[in-house]
Amino acid sequence: MYNIIRTDKAEDQLRDIIFYIADDSGSVNIALKYLDKIEESINRLKEFPSSGSIPRYSIIRKQDYKVVIVEKHLIFYKANEKKKEVIIYAIVDGRREYKNLI
């Protein structure tokens, strides 16, 4: 099992996403259900750290990031085999230009 570590940036991005969904939908429950989906995908990386896809942008790919897709959001991470860690670097809206957000 790998340990999951989140950067402050990823935490801030996730919080912003959930607040936006709650505000946009008018429902805290909808936002919390979406948070559960994201958390499930992140927690799956504990057992399957290589399960993410290779990012489409070469500049991100060359930095050894992997990506997990949850509906319209992308979770960028790196797995450290030696330390048995998965580090979550960013959680962004895949419809935006995200190259510079990571």
Protein backbone atom coordinates (compact mmCIF):
# COMPACT_ATOMS: atom_id res chain seq x y z
CA MET A 1 0.00 0.00 0.00
CA TYR A 2 1.16 3.49 -0.87
CA ASN A 3 0.75 6.55 1.31
CA ILE A 4 -1.19 9.44 -0.25
CA ILE A 5 0.27 12.93 0.13
CA ARG A 6 -1.47 16.03 -1.17
CA THR A 7 0.22 19.31 -1.87
CA ASP A 8 -1.32 22.48 -0.46
CA LYS A 9 -2.08 23.51 -4.03
CA ALA A 10 -4.07 20.32 -4.68
CA GLU A 11 -5.97 20.77 -1.41
CA ASP A 12 -6.85 24.37 -2.33
CA GLN A 13 -7.95 23.34 -5.81
CA LEU A 14 -10.15 20.55 -4.44
CA ARG A 15 -11.75 22.89 -1.91
CA ASP A 16 -12.45 25.45 -4.67
CA ILE A 17 -14.04 22.75 -6.86
CA ILE A 18 -16.33 21.55 -4.09
CA PHE A 19 -17.34 25.09 -3.07
CA TYR A 20 -18.06 25.93 -6.70
CA ILE A 21 -20.24 22.84 -7.17
CA ALA A 22 -22.15 23.55 -3.96
CA ASP A 23 -22.71 27.16 -4.99
CA ASP A 24 -23.55 26.39 -8.62
CA SER A 25 -25.92 23.52 -7.85
CA GLY A 26 -27.35 25.03 -4.68
CA SER A 27 -26.81 21.68 -2.98
CA VAL A 28 -24.16 20.73 -0.46
CA ASN A 29 -25.14 17.08 -0.94
CA ILE A 30 -24.30 17.17 -4.64
CA ALA A 31 -20.92 18.71 -3.85
CA LEU A 32 -20.21 16.12 -1.15
CA LYS A 33 -21.13 13.25 -3.50
CA TYR A 34 -18.69 14.62 -6.05
CA LEU A 35 -16.05 14.95 -3.34
CA ASP A 36 -16.62 11.26 -2.53
CA LYS A 37 -15.99 10.36 -6.19
CA ILE A 38 -12.72 12.26 -6.19
CA GLU A 39 -11.66 10.77 -2.85
CA GLU A 40 -12.43 7.24 -4.08
CA SER A 41 -10.27 7.77 -7.16
CA ILE A 42 -7.41 9.14 -5.06
CA ASN A 43 -7.68 6.32 -2.50
CA ARG A 44 -7.59 3.73 -5.29
CA LEU A 45 -4.04 4.93 -5.99
CA LYS A 46 -2.97 3.46 -2.63
CA GLU A 47 -3.20 0.00 -4.18
CA PHE A 48 -2.81 0.85 -7.85
CA PRO A 49 -0.35 3.76 -8.13
CA SER A 50 0.35 3.07 -11.80
CA SER A 51 -3.30 3.06 -12.83
CA GLY A 52 -3.36 6.66 -14.05
CA SER A 53 -3.09 7.64 -17.68
CA ILE A 54 -0.22 9.42 -19.38
CA PRO A 55 -1.01 13.14 -19.82
CA ARG A 56 -1.54 14.46 -23.33
CA TYR A 57 0.83 17.44 -23.04
CA SER A 58 4.43 16.40 -23.58
CA ILE A 59 5.77 18.95 -21.09
CA ILE A 60 3.69 17.32 -18.33
CA ARG A 61 4.45 13.82 -19.60
CA LYS A 62 8.21 14.48 -19.48
CA GLN A 63 7.93 15.37 -15.79
CA ASP A 64 6.58 11.85 -15.06
CA TYR A 65 3.10 12.94 -14.05
CA LYS A 66 0.20 10.55 -14.32
CA VAL A 67 -3.43 11.63 -14.47
CA VAL A 68 -6.68 10.20 -13.13
CA ILE A 69 -9.90 11.45 -14.69
CA VAL A 70 -13.00 11.98 -12.57
CA GLU A 71 -15.78 13.25 -14.80
CA LYS A 72 -14.48 16.65 -15.98
CA HIS A 73 -11.63 16.95 -13.49
CA LEU A 74 -8.06 15.75 -13.80
CA ILE A 75 -5.96 14.64 -10.84
CA PHE A 76 -2.24 14.94 -11.52
CA TYR A 77 0.13 12.87 -9.41
CA LYS A 78 3.48 11.15 -9.22
CA ALA A 79 4.24 7.83 -7.59
CA ASN A 80 7.48 7.33 -5.67
CA GLU A 81 8.31 3.63 -5.70
CA LYS A 82 11.09 3.83 -3.11
CA LYS A 83 9.08 5.72 -0.51
CA LYS A 84 5.79 4.00 -1.42
CA GLU A 85 4.13 7.40 -1.83
CA VAL A 86 1.66 8.91 -4.25
CA ILE A 87 1.87 12.69 -4.31
CA ILE A 88 -1.18 14.57 -5.58
CA TYR A 89 0.03 17.78 -7.20
CA ALA A 90 -3.08 19.25 -8.81
CA ILE A 91 -6.80 18.74 -9.32
CA VAL A 92 -8.02 20.81 -12.26
CA ASP A 93 -10.94 21.18 -14.63
CA GLY A 94 -10.00 19.32 -17.81
CA ARG A 95 -11.94 21.80 -19.94
CA ARG A 96 -9.52 24.58 -19.03
CA GLU A 97 -6.00 25.14 -20.29
CA TYR A 98 -4.29 23.40 -17.40
CA LYS A 99 -0.64 23.19 -18.54
CA ASN A 100 0.31 26.11 -16.35
CA LEU A 101 -1.86 25.14 -13.38
CA ILE A 102 0.31 22.25 -12.28
